[in-house]
Amino acid sequence: DKCDSKYLKNIYIIDNGLTEYQKDYFLDKSDTIKINTTGLETNFKGGTWGEDWQKNVKGKTIHLYNMVNELKEPLLMLDADMLIIKDLHTLLDRGGDMQVCVRPNNPVKYIGSYFFSINHEKTKIFVHDWMDLTQSKVGKRAHESPSLTESVDWYLKNTDLNIVEVEQDVVNRYHPPPKEETVVVHFKGSKLYETFDEQYNARITNPKWTKYVKDYLE
């Protein structure tokens, strides 16, 4: 309800193990919602950075690449644990062939929870390279954002791809409260969790975010 529907064609949810109840819940919300089933059945086995987490996160670039090629139109990818508090269309006004979220004072400069492919012809090659780099990584740690950072750095130095950096407080605000310029809030975890319930309670039921979550659910 924060977005002007005339600018929002479809919302695609990547299904890596949703129950039938969960799928019906989403589909009942709007005709714009489509569910892409991957065949994966993940349930947070191994906790944060565990086996299921790796399958989900490393699979994001694969699904993104497939959808950029299939849709051939602007496509915004957001993590599932994010809350939209302002119209997303304002982000398109920032321009670029693609947009990435830049975070200050972090050696991994770009975070993979936000990626906006605007010119699909130019960005599909970038996404393919990002996907390949992510899939080549091994070990129980984050791979998606480090691979994104490596890819962006290389493309900025070696190509004319117009990559626009969007500030973290705009599309990845994770310290409550939101700022005036914030469009997307990210319920980002601050540590590793052993179970889904631990992670959910730490992120979503954070007292400082409760007001915004309740407003959304109501």
N, C-alpha and C. Protein backbone atom coordinates (compact mmCIF):
# COMPACT_ATOMS: atom_id res chain seq x y z
N ASP A 1 0.81 -1.21 0.00
CA ASP A 1 0.00 0.00 0.00
C ASP A 1 0.85 1.27 0.00
N LYS A 2 2.16 1.16 0.10
CA LYS A 2 3.05 2.32 0.05
C LYS A 2 3.41 2.69 -1.39
N CYS A 3 3.12 1.82 -2.33
CA CYS A 3 3.55 2.01 -3.71
C CYS A 3 2.36 2.30 -4.62
N ASP A 4 2.57 3.20 -5.57
CA ASP A 4 1.56 3.50 -6.58
C ASP A 4 1.46 2.29 -7.51
N SER A 5 0.29 1.67 -7.56
CA SER A 5 0.12 0.41 -8.29
C SER A 5 0.36 0.54 -9.79
N LYS A 6 0.23 1.75 -10.33
CA LYS A 6 0.43 1.90 -11.77
C LYS A 6 1.89 1.70 -12.16
N TYR A 7 2.79 1.79 -11.19
CA TYR A 7 4.21 1.57 -11.46
C TYR A 7 4.67 0.18 -11.04
N LEU A 8 3.78 -0.60 -10.46
CA LEU A 8 4.15 -1.90 -9.91
C LEU A 8 3.43 -2.99 -10.69
N LYS A 9 4.15 -3.66 -11.58
CA LYS A 9 3.53 -4.66 -12.45
C LYS A 9 3.31 -5.97 -11.71
N ASN A 10 4.37 -6.49 -11.12
CA ASN A 10 4.28 -7.76 -10.39
C ASN A 10 5.25 -7.78 -9.22
N ILE A 11 4.88 -8.57 -8.21
CA ILE A 11 5.77 -8.85 -7.08
C ILE A 11 6.06 -10.35 -7.13
N TYR A 12 7.32 -10.70 -7.28
CA TYR A 12 7.71 -12.11 -7.38
C TYR A 12 8.33 -12.57 -6.07
N ILE A 13 7.82 -13.66 -5.53
CA ILE A 13 8.36 -14.26 -4.31
C ILE A 13 9.06 -15.56 -4.69
N ILE A 14 10.33 -15.68 -4.33
CA ILE A 14 11.07 -16.91 -4.60
C ILE A 14 10.77 -17.91 -3.50
N ASP A 15 10.22 -19.05 -3.88
CA ASP A 15 9.79 -20.08 -2.92
C ASP A 15 10.87 -21.13 -2.75
N ASN A 16 11.53 -21.08 -1.59
CA ASN A 16 12.55 -22.08 -1.26
C ASN A 16 12.08 -22.98 -0.12
N GLY A 17 10.77 -23.21 -0.04
CA GLY A 17 10.26 -24.09 1.00
C GLY A 17 9.05 -23.56 1.72
N LEU A 18 8.29 -22.67 1.08
CA LEU A 18 7.07 -22.16 1.69
C LEU A 18 6.04 -23.27 1.85
N THR A 19 5.25 -23.20 2.91
CA THR A 19 4.15 -24.14 3.08
C THR A 19 2.99 -23.71 2.18
N GLU A 20 2.03 -24.60 1.98
CA GLU A 20 0.86 -24.25 1.17
C GLU A 20 0.09 -23.10 1.81
N TYR A 21 0.02 -23.11 3.13
CA TYR A 21 -0.66 -22.02 3.84
C TYR A 21 0.03 -20.69 3.56
N GLN A 22 1.35 -20.68 3.62
CA GLN A 22 2.09 -19.44 3.38
C GLN A 22 1.89 -18.95 1.95
N LYS A 23 1.91 -19.87 1.00
CA LYS A 23 1.71 -19.47 -0.40
C LYS A 23 0.31 -18.91 -0.62
N ASP A 24 -0.69 -19.56 -0.05
CA ASP A 24 -2.07 -19.07 -0.17
C ASP A 24 -2.21 -17.70 0.49
N TYR A 25 -1.54 -17.51 1.61
CA TYR A 25 -1.59 -16.22 2.32
C TYR A 25 -1.09 -15.10 1.42
N PHE A 26 0.04 -15.31 0.78
CA PHE A 26 0.61 -14.28 -0.09
C PHE A 26 -0.27 -14.04 -1.31
N LEU A 27 -0.71 -15.11 -1.94
CA LEU A 27 -1.48 -14.98 -3.18
C LEU A 27 -2.82 -14.30 -2.94
N ASP A 28 -3.38 -14.45 -1.75
CA ASP A 28 -4.65 -13.80 -1.43
C ASP A 28 -4.51 -12.30 -1.23
N LYS A 29 -3.28 -11.83 -1.04
CA LYS A 29 -3.05 -10.41 -0.77
C LYS A 29 -3.24 -9.53 -1.99
N SER A 30 -2.85 -10.03 -3.16
CA SER A 30 -2.92 -9.20 -4.36
C SER A 30 -2.72 -10.04 -5.61
N ASP A 31 -3.36 -9.63 -6.70
CA ASP A 31 -3.17 -10.31 -7.98
C ASP A 31 -1.80 -10.05 -8.58
N THR A 32 -1.11 -9.04 -8.06
CA THR A 32 0.23 -8.74 -8.59
C THR A 32 1.28 -9.71 -8.06
N ILE A 33 0.95 -10.47 -7.03
CA ILE A 33 1.92 -11.37 -6.41
C ILE A 33 2.00 -12.69 -7.17
N LYS A 34 3.20 -13.06 -7.55
CA LYS A 34 3.48 -14.32 -8.23
C LYS A 34 4.52 -15.08 -7.41
N ILE A 35 4.38 -16.39 -7.35
CA ILE A 35 5.33 -17.22 -6.61
C ILE A 35 6.12 -18.09 -7.57
N ASN A 36 7.44 -17.96 -7.51
CA ASN A 36 8.34 -18.78 -8.32
C ASN A 36 8.91 -19.89 -7.45
N THR A 37 8.48 -21.11 -7.70
CA THR A 37 8.92 -22.25 -6.90
C THR A 37 10.22 -22.80 -7.46
N THR A 38 11.22 -22.97 -6.60
CA THR A 38 12.54 -23.41 -7.04
C THR A 38 12.74 -24.91 -6.90
N GLY A 39 11.90 -25.56 -6.10
CA GLY A 39 12.09 -26.97 -5.83
C GLY A 39 12.91 -27.23 -4.58
N LEU A 40 13.52 -26.17 -4.02
CA LEU A 40 14.27 -26.32 -2.78
C LEU A 40 13.31 -26.41 -1.59
N GLU A 41 13.71 -27.16 -0.59
CA GLU A 41 12.95 -27.25 0.66
C GLU A 41 13.90 -26.93 1.80
N THR A 42 13.98 -25.67 2.17
CA THR A 42 14.91 -25.27 3.23
C THR A 42 14.16 -24.88 4.48
N ASN A 43 14.78 -25.13 5.64
CA ASN A 43 14.12 -24.82 6.91
C ASN A 43 15.11 -24.34 7.97
N PHE A 44 16.15 -23.64 7.53
CA PHE A 44 17.13 -23.04 8.44
C PHE A 44 18.01 -24.08 9.12
N LYS A 45 18.21 -25.24 8.48
CA LYS A 45 19.08 -26.26 9.05
C LYS A 45 20.51 -25.74 9.15
N GLY A 46 21.09 -25.85 10.35
CA GLY A 46 22.45 -25.37 10.55
C GLY A 46 22.53 -23.94 11.02
N GLY A 47 21.37 -23.28 11.18
CA GLY A 47 21.36 -21.91 11.68
C GLY A 47 21.89 -20.91 10.66
N THR A 48 22.18 -19.70 11.14
CA THR A 48 22.73 -18.67 10.28
C THR A 48 24.07 -19.12 9.71
N TRP A 49 24.23 -18.98 8.39
CA TRP A 49 25.41 -19.39 7.65
C TRP A 49 25.51 -20.91 7.52
N GLY A 50 24.47 -21.63 7.94
CA GLY A 50 24.46 -23.08 7.82
C GLY A 50 24.10 -23.52 6.42
N GLU A 51 23.84 -24.83 6.27
CA GLU A 51 23.59 -25.43 4.96
C GLU A 51 22.40 -24.80 4.25
N ASP A 52 21.27 -24.69 4.94
CA ASP A 52 20.07 -24.13 4.30
C ASP A 52 20.24 -22.65 3.99
N TRP A 53 20.87 -21.93 4.91
CA TRP A 53 21.11 -20.50 4.69
C TRP A 53 21.95 -20.30 3.44
N GLN A 54 22.99 -21.12 3.26
CA GLN A 54 23.86 -21.02 2.09
C GLN A 54 23.08 -21.30 0.81
N LYS A 55 22.20 -22.30 0.84
CA LYS A 55 21.40 -22.61 -0.34
C LYS A 55 20.53 -21.42 -0.74
N ASN A 56 19.90 -20.80 0.25
CA ASN A 56 19.02 -19.67 -0.02
C ASN A 56 19.79 -18.47 -0.56
N VAL A 57 20.85 -18.10 0.13
CA VAL A 57 21.57 -16.88 -0.23
C VAL A 57 22.34 -17.04 -1.53
N LYS A 58 23.00 -18.17 -1.71
CA LYS A 58 23.75 -18.37 -2.95
C LYS A 58 22.82 -18.56 -4.14
N GLY A 59 21.58 -18.96 -3.87
CA GLY A 59 20.62 -19.13 -4.96
C GLY A 59 20.02 -17.82 -5.45
N LYS A 60 20.15 -16.75 -4.66
CA LYS A 60 19.53 -15.47 -5.03
C LYS A 60 20.01 -14.96 -6.38
N THR A 61 21.32 -15.02 -6.62
CA THR A 61 21.84 -14.50 -7.88
C THR A 61 21.41 -15.36 -9.07
N ILE A 62 21.22 -16.65 -8.83
CA ILE A 62 20.73 -17.53 -9.90
C ILE A 62 19.32 -17.12 -10.30
N HIS A 63 18.44 -16.95 -9.31
CA HIS A 63 17.06 -16.56 -9.60
C HIS A 63 17.01 -15.16 -10.20
N LEU A 64 17.86 -14.27 -9.71
CA LEU A 64 17.90 -12.91 -10.25
C LEU A 64 18.30 -12.93 -11.72
N TYR A 65 19.32 -13.70 -12.04
CA TYR A 65 19.78 -13.78 -13.43
C TYR A 65 18.67 -14.32 -14.34
N ASN A 66 18.01 -15.37 -13.89
CA ASN A 66 16.93 -15.95 -14.69
C ASN A 66 15.81 -14.94 -14.92
N MET A 67 15.47 -14.17 -13.90
CA MET A 67 14.35 -13.24 -14.02
C MET A 67 14.72 -12.01 -14.83
N VAL A 68 15.95 -11.53 -14.72
CA VAL A 68 16.39 -10.40 -15.56
C VAL A 68 16.30 -10.79 -17.02
N ASN A 69 16.69 -12.00 -17.35
CA ASN A 69 16.62 -12.48 -18.73
C ASN A 69 15.20 -12.70 -19.20
N GLU A 70 14.36 -13.18 -18.30
CA GLU A 70 12.98 -13.50 -18.67
C GLU A 70 12.10 -12.26 -18.80
N LEU A 71 12.22 -11.32 -17.87
CA LEU A 71 11.29 -10.19 -17.82
C LEU A 71 11.66 -9.07 -18.78
N LYS A 72 12.94 -8.82 -18.96
CA LYS A 72 13.41 -7.78 -19.88
C LYS A 72 12.81 -6.41 -19.57
N GLU A 73 12.76 -6.08 -18.29
CA GLU A 73 12.24 -4.80 -17.82
C GLU A 73 12.85 -4.52 -16.44
N PRO A 74 12.72 -3.28 -15.94
CA PRO A 74 13.30 -2.99 -14.63
C PRO A 74 12.84 -3.97 -13.55
N LEU A 75 13.79 -4.44 -12.75
CA LEU A 75 13.51 -5.44 -11.72
C LEU A 75 14.27 -5.07 -10.45
N LEU A 76 13.54 -4.92 -9.37
CA LEU A 76 14.14 -4.60 -8.07
C LEU A 76 14.12 -5.85 -7.20
N MET A 77 15.29 -6.25 -6.71
CA MET A 77 15.39 -7.40 -5.80
C MET A 77 15.61 -6.91 -4.38
N LEU A 78 14.77 -7.39 -3.47
CA LEU A 78 14.88 -7.08 -2.05
C LEU A 78 14.88 -8.38 -1.25
N ASP A 79 15.56 -8.38 -0.11
CA ASP A 79 15.48 -9.52 0.80
C ASP A 79 14.08 -9.62 1.39
N ALA A 80 13.72 -10.82 1.85
CA ALA A 80 12.39 -11.04 2.41
C ALA A 80 12.20 -10.35 3.76
N ASP A 81 13.31 -10.08 4.47
CA ASP A 81 13.20 -9.48 5.81
C ASP A 81 13.33 -7.95 5.74
N MET A 82 12.64 -7.37 4.75
CA MET A 82 12.68 -5.92 4.58
C MET A 82 11.26 -5.36 4.59
N LEU A 83 11.14 -4.10 4.98
CA LEU A 83 9.84 -3.44 5.10
C LEU A 83 9.87 -2.16 4.26
N ILE A 84 8.93 -2.04 3.34
CA ILE A 84 8.82 -0.86 2.48
C ILE A 84 7.97 0.18 3.18
N ILE A 85 8.53 1.36 3.39
CA ILE A 85 7.78 2.40 4.11
C ILE A 85 7.48 3.62 3.24
N LYS A 86 8.03 3.65 2.01
CA LYS A 86 7.72 4.73 1.07
C LYS A 86 7.68 4.15 -0.34
N ASP A 87 7.13 4.91 -1.27
CA ASP A 87 6.96 4.45 -2.64
C ASP A 87 8.30 4.10 -3.28
N LEU A 88 8.42 2.89 -3.78
CA LEU A 88 9.65 2.43 -4.40
C LEU A 88 9.95 3.15 -5.71
N HIS A 89 8.93 3.71 -6.34
CA HIS A 89 9.13 4.36 -7.63
C HIS A 89 10.11 5.52 -7.55
N THR A 90 10.23 6.13 -6.36
CA THR A 90 11.16 7.24 -6.20
C THR A 90 12.60 6.79 -6.45
N LEU A 91 12.87 5.52 -6.25
CA LEU A 91 14.23 5.00 -6.46
C LEU A 91 14.59 5.00 -7.93
N LEU A 92 13.60 4.80 -8.79
CA LEU A 92 13.84 4.79 -10.23
C LEU A 92 14.35 6.15 -10.70
N ASP A 93 13.91 7.21 -10.02
CA ASP A 93 14.33 8.56 -10.39
C ASP A 93 15.82 8.78 -10.19
N ARG A 94 16.46 7.93 -9.41
CA ARG A 94 17.91 8.07 -9.19
C ARG A 94 18.72 7.62 -10.39
N GLY A 95 18.06 6.90 -11.31
CA GLY A 95 18.69 6.56 -12.58
C GLY A 95 19.74 5.47 -12.50
N GLY A 96 20.54 5.40 -13.58
CA GLY A 96 21.57 4.38 -13.70
C GLY A 96 21.12 3.19 -14.51
N ASP A 97 22.07 2.41 -14.99
CA ASP A 97 21.75 1.12 -15.60
C ASP A 97 21.36 0.12 -14.52
N MET A 98 21.95 0.31 -13.35
CA MET A 98 21.64 -0.53 -12.19
C MET A 98 21.99 0.25 -10.93
N GLN A 99 21.41 -0.18 -9.82
CA GLN A 99 21.67 0.47 -8.54
C GLN A 99 22.10 -0.58 -7.51
N VAL A 100 23.02 -0.17 -6.63
CA VAL A 100 23.45 -1.02 -5.53
C VAL A 100 23.44 -0.20 -4.25
N CYS A 101 23.33 -0.88 -3.12
CA CYS A 101 23.33 -0.21 -1.82
C CYS A 101 24.76 -0.14 -1.30
N VAL A 102 25.21 1.08 -1.01
CA VAL A 102 26.57 1.27 -0.50
C VAL A 102 26.50 1.53 1.00
N ARG A 103 27.37 0.87 1.75
CA ARG A 103 27.38 1.06 3.20
C ARG A 103 28.73 1.62 3.64
N PRO A 104 28.72 2.61 4.51
CA PRO A 104 29.96 3.27 4.90
C PRO A 104 30.78 2.45 5.88
N ASN A 105 32.08 2.69 5.85
CA ASN A 105 33.00 2.13 6.85
C ASN A 105 32.91 0.61 6.96
N ASN A 106 32.81 -0.05 5.82
CA ASN A 106 32.74 -1.51 5.80
C ASN A 106 33.60 -2.02 4.65
N PRO A 107 34.50 -2.97 4.90
CA PRO A 107 35.34 -3.47 3.81
C PRO A 107 34.53 -4.14 2.70
N VAL A 108 33.35 -4.69 3.06
CA VAL A 108 32.43 -5.19 2.04
C VAL A 108 31.48 -4.03 1.75
N LYS A 109 31.83 -3.27 0.74
CA LYS A 109 31.22 -1.95 0.52
C LYS A 109 29.75 -2.02 0.11
N TYR A 110 29.39 -3.08 -0.62
CA TYR A 110 28.03 -3.18 -1.14
C TYR A 110 27.33 -4.40 -0.55
N ILE A 111 26.05 -4.24 -0.20
CA ILE A 111 25.29 -5.32 0.43
C ILE A 111 24.24 -5.86 -0.54
N GLY A 112 24.16 -7.19 -0.61
CA GLY A 112 23.33 -7.84 -1.61
C GLY A 112 21.85 -7.90 -1.31
N SER A 113 21.39 -7.23 -0.28
CA SER A 113 19.96 -7.24 0.04
C SER A 113 19.15 -6.31 -0.85
N TYR A 114 19.85 -5.44 -1.60
CA TYR A 114 19.20 -4.51 -2.52
C TYR A 114 19.95 -4.51 -3.85
N PHE A 115 19.22 -4.78 -4.92
CA PHE A 115 19.82 -4.70 -6.26
C PHE A 115 18.72 -4.31 -7.24
N PHE A 116 18.96 -3.24 -8.00
CA PHE A 116 17.96 -2.72 -8.93
C PHE A 116 18.54 -2.79 -10.34
N SER A 117 18.00 -3.71 -11.13
CA SER A 117 18.36 -3.80 -12.55
C SER A 117 17.38 -2.92 -13.33
N ILE A 118 17.89 -1.85 -13.92
CA ILE A 118 17.04 -0.91 -14.66
C ILE A 118 17.16 -1.14 -16.17
N ASN A 119 18.37 -1.22 -16.66
CA ASN A 119 18.62 -1.54 -18.07
C ASN A 119 19.01 -3.01 -18.15
N HIS A 120 18.04 -3.85 -18.44
CA HIS A 120 18.29 -5.30 -18.34
C HIS A 120 19.35 -5.78 -19.33
N GLU A 121 19.42 -5.17 -20.51
CA GLU A 121 20.41 -5.60 -21.50
C GLU A 121 21.83 -5.39 -20.99
N LYS A 122 22.04 -4.29 -20.30
CA LYS A 122 23.38 -3.99 -19.80
C LYS A 122 23.69 -4.71 -18.49
N THR A 123 22.67 -4.93 -17.68
CA THR A 123 22.94 -5.50 -16.35
C THR A 123 22.97 -7.02 -16.34
N LYS A 124 22.40 -7.67 -17.35
CA LYS A 124 22.35 -9.13 -17.29
C LYS A 124 23.75 -9.75 -17.32
N ILE A 125 24.70 -9.10 -18.00
CA ILE A 125 26.06 -9.61 -18.01
C ILE A 125 26.69 -9.45 -16.63
N PHE A 126 26.42 -8.30 -16.01
CA PHE A 126 26.91 -8.08 -14.65
C PHE A 126 26.35 -9.14 -13.71
N VAL A 127 25.04 -9.38 -13.76
CA VAL A 127 24.41 -10.34 -12.86
C VAL A 127 24.99 -11.74 -13.09
N HIS A 128 25.25 -12.07 -14.34
CA HIS A 128 25.84 -13.38 -14.64
C HIS A 128 27.21 -13.52 -13.98
N ASP A 129 28.02 -12.47 -14.07
CA ASP A 129 29.35 -12.52 -13.45
C ASP A 129 29.25 -12.57 -11.93
N TRP A 130 28.33 -11.80 -11.38
CA TRP A 130 28.11 -11.83 -9.93
C TRP A 130 27.67 -13.22 -9.48
N MET A 131 26.77 -13.83 -10.26
CA MET A 131 26.29 -15.17 -9.96
C MET A 131 27.44 -16.18 -9.98
N ASP A 132 28.25 -16.15 -11.02
CA ASP A 132 29.36 -17.10 -11.13
C ASP A 132 30.34 -16.94 -9.98
N LEU A 133 30.63 -15.70 -9.62
CA LEU A 133 31.57 -15.46 -8.53
C LEU A 133 31.01 -15.96 -7.20
N THR A 134 29.73 -15.72 -6.97
CA THR A 134 29.08 -16.18 -5.74
C THR A 134 29.11 -17.70 -5.64
N GLN A 135 28.80 -18.37 -6.76
CA GLN A 135 28.75 -19.84 -6.75
C GLN A 135 30.14 -20.45 -6.56
N SER A 136 31.18 -19.71 -6.90
CA SER A 136 32.54 -20.25 -6.78
C SER A 136 33.07 -20.20 -5.35
N LYS A 137 32.40 -19.44 -4.49
CA LYS A 137 32.87 -19.28 -3.11
C LYS A 137 32.52 -20.50 -2.26
N VAL A 138 33.36 -20.81 -1.29
CA VAL A 138 33.10 -21.92 -0.38
C VAL A 138 33.37 -21.46 1.05
N GLY A 139 32.85 -22.25 2.00
CA GLY A 139 33.08 -21.93 3.40
C GLY A 139 31.84 -21.40 4.09
N LYS A 140 31.82 -21.53 5.41
CA LYS A 140 30.66 -21.12 6.20
C LYS A 140 30.78 -19.64 6.55
N ARG A 141 30.47 -18.81 5.57
CA ARG A 141 30.53 -17.36 5.74
C ARG A 141 29.69 -16.72 4.64
N ALA A 142 29.60 -15.42 4.67
CA ALA A 142 28.84 -14.71 3.64
C ALA A 142 29.60 -14.74 2.32
N HIS A 143 28.88 -14.92 1.21
CA HIS A 143 29.49 -14.94 -0.11
C HIS A 143 28.85 -13.91 -1.05
N GLU A 144 27.57 -13.67 -0.89
CA GLU A 144 26.81 -12.85 -1.83
C GLU A 144 27.32 -11.41 -1.88
N SER A 145 27.41 -10.75 -0.72
CA SER A 145 27.84 -9.35 -0.69
C SER A 145 29.31 -9.17 -1.05
N PRO A 146 30.23 -10.01 -0.54
CA PRO A 146 31.62 -9.89 -0.99
C PRO A 146 31.76 -10.06 -2.50
N SER A 147 31.00 -10.98 -3.08
CA SER A 147 31.05 -11.19 -4.53
C SER A 147 30.48 -9.99 -5.27
N LEU A 148 29.42 -9.40 -4.71
CA LEU A 148 28.85 -8.19 -5.31
C LEU A 148 29.88 -7.06 -5.29
N THR A 149 30.56 -6.91 -4.17
CA THR A 149 31.56 -5.85 -4.04
C THR A 149 32.70 -6.04 -5.04
N GLU A 150 33.18 -7.27 -5.17
CA GLU A 150 34.23 -7.55 -6.16
C GLU A 150 33.75 -7.21 -7.57
N SER A 151 32.52 -7.59 -7.87
CA SER A 151 31.98 -7.37 -9.22
C SER A 151 31.80 -5.89 -9.51
N VAL A 152 31.23 -5.15 -8.57
CA VAL A 152 31.02 -3.72 -8.77
C VAL A 152 32.36 -3.01 -8.96
N ASP A 153 33.33 -3.33 -8.12
CA ASP A 153 34.65 -2.70 -8.23
C ASP A 153 35.26 -2.94 -9.60
N TRP A 154 35.14 -4.16 -10.09
CA TRP A 154 35.72 -4.49 -11.40
C TRP A 154 35.00 -3.75 -12.51
N TYR A 155 33.67 -3.73 -12.48
CA TYR A 155 32.89 -3.08 -13.54
C TYR A 155 33.10 -1.56 -13.54
N LEU A 156 33.25 -0.97 -12.37
CA LEU A 156 33.49 0.47 -12.30
C LEU A 156 34.84 0.84 -12.92
N LYS A 157 35.81 -0.03 -12.78
CA LYS A 157 37.15 0.24 -13.30
C LYS A 157 37.30 -0.10 -14.78
N ASN A 158 36.52 -1.07 -15.26
CA ASN A 158 36.79 -1.63 -16.58
C ASN A 158 35.68 -1.49 -17.61
N THR A 159 34.53 -0.95 -17.23
CA THR A 159 33.42 -0.83 -18.18
C THR A 159 32.75 0.53 -18.04
N ASP A 160 31.80 0.81 -18.95
CA ASP A 160 31.03 2.05 -18.87
C ASP A 160 29.64 1.82 -18.28
N LEU A 161 29.42 0.66 -17.65
CA LEU A 161 28.14 0.38 -17.01
C LEU A 161 27.87 1.45 -15.95
N ASN A 162 26.70 2.08 -16.04
CA ASN A 162 26.35 3.17 -15.12
C ASN A 162 25.78 2.58 -13.83
N ILE A 163 26.63 2.48 -12.82
CA ILE A 163 26.25 1.89 -11.53
C ILE A 163 26.02 3.02 -10.54
N VAL A 164 24.79 3.16 -10.08
CA VAL A 164 24.43 4.20 -9.12
C VAL A 164 24.45 3.63 -7.71
N GLU A 165 25.14 4.30 -6.82
CA GLU A 165 25.19 3.90 -5.42
C GLU A 165 24.06 4.58 -4.65
N VAL A 166 23.27 3.79 -3.93
CA VAL A 166 22.19 4.32 -3.10
C VAL A 166 22.59 4.13 -1.64
N GLU A 167 22.45 5.18 -0.85
CA GLU A 167 22.91 5.15 0.53
C GLU A 167 22.16 4.12 1.37
N GLN A 168 22.86 3.55 2.34
CA GLN A 168 22.28 2.53 3.20
C GLN A 168 21.06 3.04 3.96
N ASP A 169 21.08 4.27 4.40
CA ASP A 169 19.95 4.81 5.16
C ASP A 169 18.69 4.93 4.30
N VAL A 170 18.85 4.87 2.98
CA VAL A 170 17.70 4.98 2.08
C VAL A 170 17.05 3.62 1.83
N VAL A 171 17.85 2.60 1.53
CA VAL A 171 17.29 1.31 1.11
C VAL A 171 17.72 0.13 1.98
N ASN A 172 18.38 0.41 3.09
CA ASN A 172 18.83 -0.70 3.94
C ASN A 172 18.98 -0.23 5.39
N ARG A 173 18.03 0.57 5.84
CA ARG A 173 18.10 1.14 7.18
C ARG A 173 17.81 0.06 8.21
N TYR A 174 18.77 -0.26 9.08
CA TYR A 174 18.52 -1.32 10.07
C TYR A 174 18.66 -0.85 11.51
N HIS A 175 18.93 0.43 11.73
CA HIS A 175 18.91 0.99 13.08
C HIS A 175 17.65 1.85 13.23
N PRO A 176 16.72 1.46 14.12
CA PRO A 176 15.53 2.28 14.31
C PRO A 176 15.88 3.59 15.00
N PRO A 177 15.09 4.65 14.70
CA PRO A 177 13.95 4.70 13.78
C PRO A 177 14.41 5.00 12.36
N PRO A 178 13.50 4.89 11.36
CA PRO A 178 13.86 5.29 10.00
C PRO A 178 14.18 6.78 9.94
N LYS A 179 14.99 7.15 8.97
CA LYS A 179 15.26 8.56 8.73
C LYS A 179 14.25 9.11 7.73
N GLU A 180 14.26 10.42 7.55
CA GLU A 180 13.32 11.05 6.63
C GLU A 180 13.46 10.49 5.22
N GLU A 181 14.70 10.17 4.83
CA GLU A 181 14.95 9.70 3.47
C GLU A 181 14.76 8.20 3.30
N THR A 182 14.48 7.47 4.38
CA THR A 182 14.39 6.01 4.31
C THR A 182 13.19 5.54 3.50
N VAL A 183 13.46 4.65 2.56
CA VAL A 183 12.42 4.02 1.74
C VAL A 183 12.21 2.57 2.16
N VAL A 184 13.31 1.88 2.50
CA VAL A 184 13.24 0.46 2.85
C VAL A 184 13.99 0.22 4.16
N VAL A 185 13.34 -0.49 5.07
CA VAL A 185 13.93 -0.91 6.34
C VAL A 185 14.36 -2.37 6.21
N HIS A 186 15.50 -2.70 6.81
CA HIS A 186 16.00 -4.08 6.77
C HIS A 186 16.12 -4.61 8.19
N PHE A 187 15.39 -5.67 8.49
CA PHE A 187 15.47 -6.30 9.82
C PHE A 187 16.69 -7.21 9.86
N LYS A 188 17.84 -6.60 9.75
CA LYS A 188 19.09 -7.34 9.62
C LYS A 188 19.56 -7.85 10.97
N GLY A 189 20.03 -9.10 11.01
CA GLY A 189 20.53 -9.67 12.24
C GLY A 189 21.89 -9.10 12.62
N SER A 190 22.19 -9.11 13.91
CA SER A 190 23.46 -8.57 14.39
C SER A 190 24.41 -9.66 14.86
N LYS A 191 23.94 -10.92 14.80
CA LYS A 191 24.80 -12.04 15.20
C LYS A 191 24.29 -13.31 14.54
N LEU A 192 24.95 -14.43 14.82
CA LEU A 192 24.53 -15.71 14.27
C LEU A 192 23.49 -16.35 15.18
N TYR A 193 22.50 -17.03 14.57
CA TYR A 193 21.42 -17.66 15.34
C TYR A 193 21.36 -19.14 15.00
N GLU A 194 20.97 -19.93 16.02
CA GLU A 194 20.89 -21.38 15.84
C GLU A 194 19.56 -21.82 15.25
N THR A 195 18.49 -21.08 15.54
CA THR A 195 17.16 -21.47 15.08
C THR A 195 16.46 -20.31 14.41
N PHE A 196 15.43 -20.64 13.62
CA PHE A 196 14.65 -19.60 12.95
C PHE A 196 13.93 -18.73 13.97
N ASP A 197 13.38 -19.34 15.02
CA ASP A 197 12.64 -18.57 16.02
C ASP A 197 13.54 -17.55 16.71
N GLU A 198 14.77 -17.94 17.02
CA GLU A 198 15.71 -17.00 17.63
C GLU A 198 15.94 -15.81 16.70
N GLN A 199 16.14 -16.11 15.44
CA GLN A 199 16.41 -15.05 14.47
C GLN A 199 15.19 -14.14 14.30
N TYR A 200 14.01 -14.74 14.19
CA TYR A 200 12.78 -13.96 14.02
C TYR A 200 12.56 -13.04 15.21
N ASN A 201 12.69 -13.57 16.41
CA ASN A 201 12.44 -12.76 17.61
C ASN A 201 13.44 -11.62 17.73
N ALA A 202 14.69 -11.87 17.37
CA ALA A 202 15.71 -10.83 17.48
C ALA A 202 15.51 -9.73 16.46
N ARG A 203 15.00 -10.09 15.29
CA ARG A 203 14.86 -9.10 14.22
C ARG A 203 13.48 -8.42 14.23
N ILE A 204 12.45 -9.21 14.12
CA ILE A 204 11.11 -8.67 13.90
C ILE A 204 10.47 -8.14 15.17
N THR A 205 10.72 -8.80 16.30
CA THR A 205 10.08 -8.36 17.54
C THR A 205 10.94 -7.38 18.33
N ASN A 206 11.96 -6.85 17.70
CA ASN A 206 12.76 -5.78 18.31
C ASN A 206 11.82 -4.66 18.74
N PRO A 207 11.77 -4.32 20.04
CA PRO A 207 10.81 -3.31 20.52
C PRO A 207 10.87 -1.99 19.76
N LYS A 208 12.03 -1.64 19.27
CA LYS A 208 12.18 -0.36 18.57
C LYS A 208 11.55 -0.38 17.18
N TRP A 209 11.30 -1.60 16.65
CA TRP A 209 10.67 -1.72 15.34
C TRP A 209 9.19 -2.10 15.45
N THR A 210 8.72 -2.42 16.65
CA THR A 210 7.37 -2.97 16.83
C THR A 210 6.30 -2.09 16.20
N LYS A 211 6.38 -0.80 16.39
CA LYS A 211 5.36 0.12 15.86
C LYS A 211 5.23 -0.02 14.35
N TYR A 212 6.35 -0.09 13.66
CA TYR A 212 6.33 -0.14 12.20
C TYR A 212 5.82 -1.48 11.70
N VAL A 213 6.18 -2.55 12.41
CA VAL A 213 5.69 -3.87 12.03
C VAL A 213 4.18 -3.96 12.23
N LYS A 214 3.68 -3.46 13.36
CA LYS A 214 2.25 -3.50 13.63
C LYS A 214 1.47 -2.66 12.62
N ASP A 215 1.99 -1.49 12.28
CA ASP A 215 1.33 -0.65 11.28
C ASP A 215 1.22 -1.37 9.95
N TYR A 216 2.26 -2.12 9.60
CA TYR A 216 2.26 -2.84 8.33
C TYR A 216 1.25 -3.99 8.36
N LEU A 217 1.25 -4.76 9.45
CA LEU A 217 0.36 -5.91 9.54
C LEU A 217 -1.10 -5.51 9.62
N GLU A 218 -1.36 -4.33 10.19
CA GLU A 218 -2.74 -3.88 10.31
C GLU A 218 -3.24 -3.25 9.02
